[in-house]
């Protein structure tokens, strides 16, 4: 029983040390980075396909 209370207290302290804003900010920063990477990759693929189509003439 004492171990469970200790674990709950540690978890509660950890949760209080992270503000919800900083957690959400980290998630959105990671999401934005992945989104930018995907957009750049799609643009590169489209440019490659267009150069292959029009480059053979």
PDB file of N, CA and C in Angstrom:
ATOM      1  N   UNK A   1       0.819  -1.194   0.000  1.00  0.00           N
ATOM      2  CA  UNK A   1       0.000   0.000   0.000  1.00  0.00           C
ATOM      3  C   UNK A   1       0.867   1.263   0.000  1.00  0.00           C
ATOM      4  N   UNK A   2       1.947   1.218   0.749  1.00  0.00           N
ATOM      5  CA  UNK A   2       2.841   2.371   0.822  1.00  0.00           C
ATOM      6  C   UNK A   2       3.511   2.632  -0.534  1.00  0.00           C
ATOM      7  N   UNK A   3       3.850   1.556  -1.263  1.00  0.00           N
ATOM      8  CA  UNK A   3       4.470   1.723  -2.580  1.00  0.00           C
ATOM      9  C   UNK A   3       3.510   2.378  -3.565  1.00  0.00           C
ATOM     10  N   UNK A   4       2.246   2.001  -3.488  1.00  0.00           N
ATOM     11  CA  UNK A   4       1.257   2.581  -4.394  1.00  0.00           C
ATOM     12  C   UNK A   4       1.077   4.068  -4.123  1.00  0.00           C
ATOM     13  N   UNK A   5       1.040   4.453  -2.864  1.00  0.00           N
ATOM     14  CA  UNK A   5       0.899   5.862  -2.515  1.00  0.00           C
ATOM     15  C   UNK A   5       2.124   6.639  -2.975  1.00  0.00           C
ATOM     16  N   UNK A   6       3.297   6.044  -2.787  1.00  0.00           N
ATOM     17  CA  UNK A   6       4.526   6.699  -3.229  1.00  0.00           C
ATOM     18  C   UNK A   6       4.538   6.874  -4.740  1.00  0.00           C
ATOM     19  N   UNK A   7       4.129   5.857  -5.461  1.00  0.00           N
ATOM     20  CA  UNK A   7       4.081   5.959  -6.926  1.00  0.00           C
ATOM     21  C   UNK A   7       3.094   7.011  -7.381  1.00  0.00           C
ATOM     22  N   UNK A   8       1.929   7.063  -6.731  1.00  0.00           N
ATOM     23  CA  UNK A   8       0.932   8.067  -7.095  1.00  0.00           C
ATOM     24  C   UNK A   8       1.437   9.480  -6.804  1.00  0.00           C
ATOM     25  N   UNK A   9       2.137   9.661  -5.701  1.00  0.00           N
ATOM     26  CA  UNK A   9       2.684  10.974  -5.368  1.00  0.00           C
ATOM     27  C   UNK A   9       3.746  11.397  -6.384  1.00  0.00           C
ATOM     28  N   UNK A  10       4.614  10.461  -6.773  1.00  0.00           N
ATOM     29  CA  UNK A  10       5.641  10.773  -7.776  1.00  0.00           C
ATOM     30  C   UNK A  10       4.988  11.125  -9.106  1.00  0.00           C
ATOM     31  N   UNK A  11       3.993  10.367  -9.503  1.00  0.00           N
ATOM     32  CA  UNK A  11       3.281  10.648 -10.749  1.00  0.00           C
ATOM     33  C   UNK A  11       2.604  12.009 -10.693  1.00  0.00           C
ATOM     34  N   UNK A  12       2.000  12.329  -9.555  1.00  0.00           N
ATOM     35  CA  UNK A  12       1.329  13.611  -9.394  1.00  0.00           C
ATOM     36  C   UNK A  12       2.323  14.766  -9.478  1.00  0.00           C
ATOM     37  N   UNK A  13       3.480  14.605  -8.884  1.00  0.00           N
ATOM     38  CA  UNK A  13       4.507  15.650  -8.932  1.00  0.00           C
ATOM     39  C   UNK A  13       5.025  15.822 -10.351  1.00  0.00           C
ATOM     40  N   UNK A  14       5.210  14.727 -11.065  1.00  0.00           N
ATOM     41  CA  UNK A  14       5.671  14.813 -12.461  1.00  0.00           C
ATOM     42  C   UNK A  14       4.632  15.513 -13.326  1.00  0.00           C
ATOM     43  N   UNK A  15       3.365  15.173 -13.118  1.00  0.00           N
ATOM     44  CA  UNK A  15       2.305  15.810 -13.904  1.00  0.00           C
ATOM     45  C   UNK A  15       2.212  17.296 -13.615  1.00  0.00           C
ATOM     46  N   UNK A  16       2.439  17.688 -12.375  1.00  0.00           N
ATOM     47  CA  UNK A  16       2.391  19.108 -12.046  1.00  0.00           C
ATOM     48  C   UNK A  16       3.595  19.861 -12.581  1.00  0.00           C
ATOM     49  N   UNK A  17       4.720  19.170 -12.734  1.00  0.00           N
ATOM     50  CA  UNK A  17       5.917  19.845 -13.224  1.00  0.00           C
ATOM     51  C   UNK A  17       5.819  20.161 -14.715  1.00  0.00           C
ATOM     52  N   UNK A  18       5.029  19.414 -15.453  1.00  0.00           N
ATOM     53  CA  UNK A  18       4.798  19.696 -16.873  1.00  0.00           C
ATOM     54  C   UNK A  18       3.505  20.481 -16.998  1.00  0.00           C
ATOM     55  N   UNK A  19       3.598  21.672 -17.529  1.00  0.00           N
ATOM     56  CA  UNK A  19       2.369  22.409 -17.779  1.00  0.00           C
ATOM     57  C   UNK A  19       1.757  21.912 -19.069  1.00  0.00           C
ATOM     58  N   UNK A  20       0.474  21.988 -19.161  1.00  0.00           N
ATOM     59  CA  UNK A  20      -0.210  21.476 -20.352  1.00  0.00           C
ATOM     60  C   UNK A  20       0.188  22.262 -21.596  1.00  0.00           C
ATOM     61  N   UNK A  21       0.471  23.532 -21.421  1.00  0.00           N
ATOM     62  CA  UNK A  21       0.856  24.356 -22.574  1.00  0.00           C
ATOM     63  C   UNK A  21       2.178  23.881 -23.179  1.00  0.00           C
ATOM     64  N   UNK A  22       3.137  23.534 -22.340  1.00  0.00           N
ATOM     65  CA  UNK A  22       4.428  23.099 -22.879  1.00  0.00           C
ATOM     66  C   UNK A  22       4.309  21.742 -23.557  1.00  0.00           C
ATOM     67  N   UNK A  23       3.454  20.880 -23.038  1.00  0.00           N
ATOM     68  CA  UNK A  23       3.251  19.573 -23.666  1.00  0.00           C
ATOM     69  C   UNK A  23       2.594  19.739 -25.029  1.00  0.00           C
ATOM     70  N   UNK A  24       1.560  20.559 -25.089  1.00  0.00           N
ATOM     71  CA  UNK A  24       0.865  20.800 -26.359  1.00  0.00           C
ATOM     72  C   UNK A  24       1.799  21.493 -27.346  1.00  0.00           C
ATOM     73  N   UNK A  25       2.610  22.410 -26.859  1.00  0.00           N
ATOM     74  CA  UNK A  25       3.568  23.097 -27.726  1.00  0.00           C
ATOM     75  C   UNK A  25       4.553  22.115 -28.352  1.00  0.00           C
ATOM     76  N   UNK A  26       5.033  21.166 -27.577  1.00  0.00           N
ATOM     77  CA  UNK A  26       5.949  20.156 -28.095  1.00  0.00           C
ATOM     78  C   UNK A  26       5.300  19.284 -29.150  1.00  0.00           C
ATOM     79  N   UNK A  27       4.050  18.930 -28.918  1.00  0.00           N
ATOM     80  CA  UNK A  27       3.326  18.098 -29.889  1.00  0.00           C
ATOM     81  C   UNK A  27       3.152  18.857 -31.203  1.00  0.00           C
ATOM     82  N   UNK A  28       2.760  20.130 -31.119  1.00  0.00           N
ATOM     83  CA  UNK A  28       2.544  20.901 -32.339  1.00  0.00           C
ATOM     84  C   UNK A  28       3.849  21.189 -33.072  1.00  0.00           C
ATOM     85  N   UNK A  29       4.937  21.394 -32.336  1.00  0.00           N
ATOM     86  CA  UNK A  29       6.221  21.611 -33.003  1.00  0.00           C
ATOM     87  C   UNK A  29       6.636  20.368 -33.777  1.00  0.00           C
ATOM     88  N   UNK A  30       6.458  19.202 -33.177  1.00  0.00           N
ATOM     89  CA  UNK A  30       6.797  17.953 -33.870  1.00  0.00           C
ATOM     90  C   UNK A  30       5.890  17.761 -35.074  1.00  0.00           C
ATOM     91  N   UNK A  31       4.604  18.037 -34.912  1.00  0.00           N
ATOM     92  CA  UNK A  31       3.654  17.889 -36.012  1.00  0.00           C
ATOM     93  C   UNK A  31       3.951  18.840 -37.144  1.00  0.00           C
ATOM     94  N   UNK A  32       4.324  20.064 -36.818  1.00  0.00           N
ATOM     95  CA  UNK A  32       4.635  21.046 -37.843  1.00  0.00           C
ATOM     96  C   UNK A  32       5.897  20.644 -38.608  1.00  0.00           C
ATOM     97  N   UNK A  33       6.885  20.120 -37.909  1.00  0.00           N
ATOM     98  CA  UNK A  33       8.114  19.672 -38.566  1.00  0.00           C
ATOM     99  C   UNK A  33       7.851  18.532 -39.527  1.00  0.00           C
ATOM    100  N   UNK A  34       7.035  17.586 -39.108  1.00  0.00           N
ATOM    101  CA  UNK A  34       6.691  16.452 -39.980  1.00  0.00           C
ATOM    102  C   UNK A  34       5.872  16.935 -41.171  1.00  0.00           C
ATOM    103  N   UNK A  35       4.954  17.857 -40.939  1.00  0.00           N
ATOM    104  CA  UNK A  35       4.132  18.388 -42.024  1.00  0.00           C
ATOM    105  C   UNK A  35       4.961  19.113 -43.060  1.00  0.00           C
ATOM    106  N   UNK A  36       5.912  19.918 -42.607  1.00  0.00           N
ATOM    107  CA  UNK A  36       6.793  20.624 -43.540  1.00  0.00           C
ATOM    108  C   UNK A  36       7.623  19.640 -44.339  1.00  0.00           C
ATOM    109  N   UNK A  37       8.137  18.600 -43.684  1.00  0.00           N
ATOM    110  CA  UNK A  37       8.917  17.582 -44.385  1.00  0.00           C
ATOM    111  C   UNK A  37       8.083  16.888 -45.457  1.00  0.00           C
ATOM    112  N   UNK A  38       6.851  16.541 -45.149  1.00  0.00           N
ATOM    113  CA  UNK A  38       5.990  15.854 -46.119  1.00  0.00           C
ATOM    114  C   UNK A  38       5.695  16.765 -47.309  1.00  0.00           C
ATOM    115  N   UNK A  39       5.416  18.043 -47.057  1.00  0.00           N
ATOM    116  CA  UNK A  39       5.130  18.979 -48.151  1.00  0.00           C
ATOM    117  C   UNK A  39       6.345  19.118 -49.063  1.00  0.00           C
ATOM    118  N   UNK A  40       7.530  19.258 -48.475  1.00  0.00           N
ATOM    119  CA  UNK A  40       8.747  19.373 -49.284  1.00  0.00           C
ATOM    120  C   UNK A  40       8.992  18.098 -50.082  1.00  0.00           C
ATOM    121  N   UNK A  41       8.738  16.938 -49.479  1.00  0.00           N
ATOM    122  CA  UNK A  41       8.922  15.670 -50.192  1.00  0.00           C
ATOM    123  C   UNK A  41       7.957  15.553 -51.367  1.00  0.00           C
ATOM    124  N   UNK A  42       6.715  15.951 -51.172  1.00  0.00           N
ATOM    125  CA  UNK A  42       5.720  15.870 -52.260  1.00  0.00           C
ATOM    126  C   UNK A  42       6.108  16.824 -53.388  1.00  0.00           C
ATOM    127  N   UNK A  43       6.541  18.032 -53.049  1.00  0.00           N
ATOM    128  CA  UNK A  43       6.959  18.987 -54.079  1.00  0.00           C
ATOM    129  C   UNK A  43       8.165  18.451 -54.856  1.00  0.00           C
ATOM    130  N   UNK A  44       9.103  17.823 -54.155  1.00  0.00           N
ATOM    131  CA  UNK A  44      10.279  17.254 -54.817  1.00  0.00           C
ATOM    132  C   UNK A  44       9.880  16.114 -55.754  1.00  0.00           C
ATOM    133  N   UNK A  45       8.966  15.279 -55.339  1.00  0.00           N
ATOM    134  CA  UNK A  45       8.512  14.164 -56.186  1.00  0.00           C
ATOM    135  C   UNK A  45       7.801  14.688 -57.430  1.00  0.00           C
ATOM    136  N   UNK A  46       6.938  15.684 -57.260  1.00  0.00           N
ATOM    137  CA  UNK A  46       6.232  16.260 -58.407  1.00  0.00           C
ATOM    138  C   UNK A  46       7.218  16.913 -59.366  1.00  0.00           C
ATOM    139  N   UNK A  47       8.203  17.641 -58.832  1.00  0.00           N
ATOM    140  CA  UNK A  47       9.212  18.268 -59.689  1.00  0.00           C
ATOM    141  C   UNK A  47      10.022  17.216 -60.433  1.00  0.00           C
ATOM    142  N   UNK A  48      10.345  16.114 -59.774  1.00  0.00           N
ATOM    143  CA  UNK A  48      11.086  15.033 -60.413  1.00  0.00           C
ATOM    144  C   UNK A  48      10.278  14.410 -61.544  1.00  0.00           C
ATOM    145  N   UNK A  49       9.005  14.162 -61.310  1.00  0.00           N
ATOM    146  CA  UNK A  49       8.142  13.560 -62.348  1.00  0.00           C
ATOM    147  C   UNK A  49       8.003  14.513 -63.537  1.00  0.00           C
ATOM    148  N   UNK A  50       7.808  15.799 -63.263  1.00  0.00           N
ATOM    149  CA  UNK A  50       7.674  16.771 -64.356  1.00  0.00           C
ATOM    150  C   UNK A  50       8.968  16.870 -65.148  1.00  0.00           C
ATOM    151  N   UNK A  51      10.105  16.841 -64.479  1.00  0.00           N
ATOM    152  CA  UNK A  51      11.383  16.920 -65.199  1.00  0.00           C
ATOM    153  C   UNK A  51      11.612  15.667 -66.043  1.00  0.00           C
ATOM    154  N   UNK A  52      11.161  14.509 -65.594  1.00  0.00           N
ATOM    155  CA  UNK A  52      11.302  13.276 -66.384  1.00  0.00           C
ATOM    156  C   UNK A  52      10.377  13.300 -67.599  1.00  0.00           C
ATOM    157  N   UNK A  53       9.172  13.841 -67.430  1.00  0.00           N
ATOM    158  CA  UNK A  53       8.218  13.879 -68.544  1.00  0.00           C
ATOM    159  C   UNK A  53       8.690  14.855 -69.627  1.00  0.00           C
ATOM    160  N   UNK A  54       9.074  16.054 -69.221  1.00  0.00           N
ATOM    161  CA  UNK A  54       9.445  17.068 -70.193  1.00  0.00           C
ATOM    162  C   UNK A  54      10.913  17.047 -70.557  1.00  0.00           C
ATOM    163  N   UNK A  55      11.717  16.303 -69.874  1.00  0.00           N
ATOM    164  CA  UNK A  55      13.147  16.255 -70.159  1.00  0.00           C
ATOM    165  C   UNK A  55      13.516  15.320 -71.286  1.00  0.00           C
ATOM    166  N   UNK A  56      12.635  14.427 -71.687  1.00  0.00           N
ATOM    167  CA  UNK A  56      12.943  13.443 -72.721  1.00  0.00           C
ATOM    168  C   UNK A  56      12.726  14.007 -74.124  1.00  0.00           C
ATOM    169  N   UNK A  57      12.104  15.139 -74.265  1.00  0.00           N
ATOM    170  CA  UNK A  57      11.831  15.689 -75.607  1.00  0.00           C
ATOM    171  C   UNK A  57      13.016  16.355 -76.198  1.00  0.00           C
TER     172      UNK A  57
END
